[in-house]
Structures are given as structure tokens and as C-alpha cells.
Amino acid sequence: MKTRHFFSSLFAAFVALTLVNTASAASLTLPDELEVQGGDVRVGHEQSVLSLGAGKQLVELVYRDIFADNADDSGAWFTSEPLYLTLDVDGDEAYRLVLPEIVTEQDAQAFISAPTVRLVSQSGLQQELTLMSHQQLMEKIWLAQ
């Protein structure tokens, strides 16, 4: 009887912790051109949604898009090296990343050279962020020590 009570108490504690974690999960919605490398991602039409925990987060992204000059052209893919986004996440906030307008191959090349995005929170706050290269991330980590 004690064993049954122990397991039912353990199960109740597990359910309570699961509900607390689910209720406090933040999310980051990404445009289709940004692919997350790893992480808990749900892919929908034209966007991906990444689940985030509260606190400081590091997200690895890759920009990828195709451009065609005319109907006969099979197109040219533009793909960045890995780009890194650092965020300080509130527990249950929903965020969205917005890319600058990228219409041409030149726009894509300019974005890859200097990747900046706009972070929009569900509460309406907006912030311009610069995505870091691997080298810039390592420099930031080194200088923080």
C-alpha cells in the first residue's frame, strides 16, 4: 500500500512539474529563410517555431534562400555560415524574428555580410539585433571571462 501511495505521489509531482514547464515555455517564431540548427522546432507554413527555456539562450541559425533571374533560370541558392543569436528570454513570452526586406541576390549578400534582424515580443517590444558569426561568438565568450 505504501508503494502505491509513493508512486501516485511521484506521478502527481511529475504532472505538476510538467504543467509548470509547459506554462512557462517561451517561443521564437522564425521566417522560412532562417533554419534552426538543433533545438525543439515545429515547422509550419512559411515559418518555424522554436521552444525556449527562460534565461539566457543561444540559437544557431543559417540563412538560406533561392533567387531566380527569370523563368528559365533554375535559381541560385544563397546560404550563410552558421549565425548565432543570443537572447535573454522571459519565461512565457512569444517572440518573432523579422528579417530586413531581401528581394535580390544583392540584398541576400548584404544580409549575409552584416546580418541584423528585428526581435518582436508578444507584448509589442521591438529590438534590433545583430547575428554573430562563429568567430564573433568565440570573441564574446572569451572577453566575458
Protein backbone atom coordinates (compact mmCIF):
# COMPACT_ATOMS: atom_id res chain seq x y z
CA MET A 1 0.00 0.00 0.00
CA LYS A 2 2.87 2.38 0.81
CA THR A 3 4.38 1.64 -2.60
CA ARG A 4 1.15 2.56 -4.38
CA HIS A 5 0.90 5.81 -2.41
CA PHE A 6 4.56 6.61 -3.19
CA PHE A 7 4.08 6.07 -6.94
CA SER A 8 0.84 8.06 -7.08
CA SER A 9 2.57 10.93 -5.22
CA LEU A 10 5.53 10.70 -7.59
CA PHE A 11 3.20 10.75 -10.60
CA ALA A 12 1.32 13.79 -9.23
CA ALA A 13 4.61 15.64 -8.70
CA PHE A 14 5.72 14.78 -12.25
CA VAL A 15 2.44 16.07 -13.72
CA ALA A 16 2.69 19.29 -11.68
CA LEU A 17 6.28 19.92 -12.84
CA THR A 18 5.35 19.20 -16.44
CA LEU A 19 2.48 21.68 -16.30
CA VAL A 20 4.72 24.34 -14.77
CA ASN A 21 7.35 23.82 -17.51
CA THR A 22 4.74 23.89 -20.27
CA ALA A 23 3.12 27.03 -18.93
CA SER A 24 6.44 28.87 -18.69
CA ALA A 25 7.86 27.90 -22.08
CA ALA A 26 8.76 30.76 -24.40
CA SER A 27 8.71 30.53 -28.18
CA LEU A 28 10.60 32.11 -31.06
CA THR A 29 8.93 32.25 -34.48
CA LEU A 30 11.37 32.39 -37.39
CA PRO A 31 10.87 33.29 -41.04
CA ASP A 32 11.22 30.49 -43.56
CA GLU A 33 14.64 31.73 -44.69
CA LEU A 34 16.20 31.11 -41.26
CA GLU A 35 16.80 27.48 -40.34
CA VAL A 36 17.48 26.45 -36.75
CA GLN A 37 20.39 24.09 -36.24
CA GLY A 38 19.17 21.74 -33.49
CA GLY A 39 16.64 22.53 -30.78
CA ASP A 40 12.94 21.81 -30.31
CA VAL A 41 11.48 23.18 -33.58
CA ARG A 42 7.96 22.91 -35.01
CA VAL A 43 7.79 23.68 -38.72
CA GLY A 44 4.66 25.27 -40.15
CA HIS A 45 3.76 27.07 -43.36
CA GLU A 46 6.39 29.76 -44.11
CA GLN A 47 7.79 29.71 -40.55
CA SER A 48 9.34 27.63 -37.80
CA VAL A 49 8.65 27.92 -34.08
CA LEU A 50 11.42 27.18 -31.60
CA SER A 51 10.63 26.39 -27.96
CA LEU A 52 12.90 28.18 -25.49
CA GLY A 53 13.50 27.95 -21.79
CA ALA A 54 13.69 31.02 -19.56
CA GLY A 55 17.01 32.81 -19.15
CA LYS A 56 19.95 33.31 -21.48
CA GLN A 57 19.65 31.37 -24.73
CA LEU A 58 21.98 30.81 -27.68
CA VAL A 59 20.35 29.90 -31.00
CA GLU A 60 22.31 28.71 -34.05
CA LEU A 61 20.71 29.74 -37.34
CA VAL A 62 21.51 29.50 -41.05
CA TYR A 63 20.11 31.89 -43.67
CA ARG A 64 19.07 30.03 -46.83
CA ASP A 65 17.10 31.34 -49.82
CA ILE A 66 16.94 30.89 -53.59
CA PHE A 67 16.82 33.63 -56.22
CA ALA A 68 15.93 33.23 -59.90
CA ASP A 69 16.53 35.95 -62.50
CA ASN A 70 13.89 34.70 -64.94
CA ALA A 71 11.52 31.80 -65.54
CA ASP A 72 14.18 29.78 -67.39
CA ASP A 73 16.67 30.12 -64.56
CA SER A 74 16.87 27.28 -62.04
CA GLY A 75 17.96 29.81 -59.42
CA ALA A 76 20.94 30.45 -57.20
CA TRP A 77 20.97 29.42 -53.55
CA PHE A 78 22.40 31.80 -51.00
CA THR A 79 23.40 30.13 -47.75
CA SER A 80 25.20 31.71 -44.83
CA GLU A 81 27.68 30.17 -42.47
CA PRO A 82 26.14 29.49 -39.04
CA LEU A 83 24.83 32.65 -37.38
CA TYR A 84 24.34 32.96 -33.63
CA LEU A 85 21.59 34.78 -31.77
CA THR A 86 21.79 35.43 -28.03
CA LEU A 87 18.59 36.17 -26.14
CA ASP A 88 17.55 36.79 -22.56
CA VAL A 89 14.16 35.07 -22.56
CA ASP A 90 11.21 35.76 -20.28
CA GLY A 91 9.52 32.54 -19.13
CA ASP A 92 6.36 32.62 -21.21
CA GLU A 93 6.93 35.33 -23.83
CA ALA A 94 6.33 34.70 -27.53
CA TYR A 95 8.99 36.27 -29.76
CA ARG A 96 9.23 36.68 -33.52
CA LEU A 97 12.30 37.37 -35.66
CA VAL A 98 11.80 39.65 -38.65
CA LEU A 99 14.32 39.87 -41.48
CA PRO A 100 15.02 43.06 -43.38
CA GLU A 101 13.49 43.16 -46.88
CA ILE A 102 15.55 40.76 -49.01
CA VAL A 103 14.37 40.78 -52.63
CA THR A 104 17.51 40.42 -54.73
CA GLU A 105 20.73 38.43 -54.64
CA GLN A 106 22.50 41.65 -53.66
CA ASP A 107 20.13 42.05 -50.69
CA ALA A 108 20.88 38.48 -49.63
CA GLN A 109 24.64 39.03 -49.93
CA ALA A 110 24.36 42.26 -47.91
CA PHE A 111 22.37 40.45 -45.20
CA ILE A 112 24.89 37.60 -45.02
CA SER A 113 27.73 40.14 -44.71
CA ALA A 114 26.01 42.09 -41.90
CA PRO A 115 23.11 40.03 -40.53
CA THR A 116 20.72 42.14 -38.48
CA VAL A 117 17.18 41.14 -37.51
CA ARG A 118 14.33 42.69 -35.56
CA LEU A 119 13.12 40.83 -32.46
CA VAL A 120 9.44 41.50 -31.74
CA SER A 121 7.88 40.32 -28.49
CA GLN A 122 4.22 39.44 -28.00
CA SER A 123 3.94 42.46 -25.71
CA GLY A 124 4.98 44.72 -28.62
CA LEU A 125 8.58 45.49 -27.68
CA GLN A 126 10.97 45.61 -30.64
CA GLN A 127 14.73 45.35 -30.65
CA GLU A 128 17.33 45.37 -33.44
CA LEU A 129 19.81 42.51 -33.02
CA THR A 130 22.97 41.59 -34.87
CA LEU A 131 23.54 37.90 -35.53
CA MET A 132 27.10 36.81 -34.81
CA SER A 133 29.48 34.64 -36.80
CA HIS A 134 31.25 31.78 -35.05
CA GLN A 135 34.37 33.93 -34.63
CA GLN A 136 32.37 36.82 -33.13
CA LEU A 137 30.67 34.41 -30.72
CA MET A 138 34.01 32.98 -29.59
CA GLU A 139 35.37 36.53 -29.09
CA LYS A 140 32.33 37.44 -26.99
CA ILE A 141 32.76 34.34 -24.83
CA TRP A 142 36.50 34.96 -24.46
CA LEU A 143 36.01 38.60 -23.44
CA ALA A 144 33.28 37.67 -20.92
CA GLN A 145 35.75 35.58 -18.91
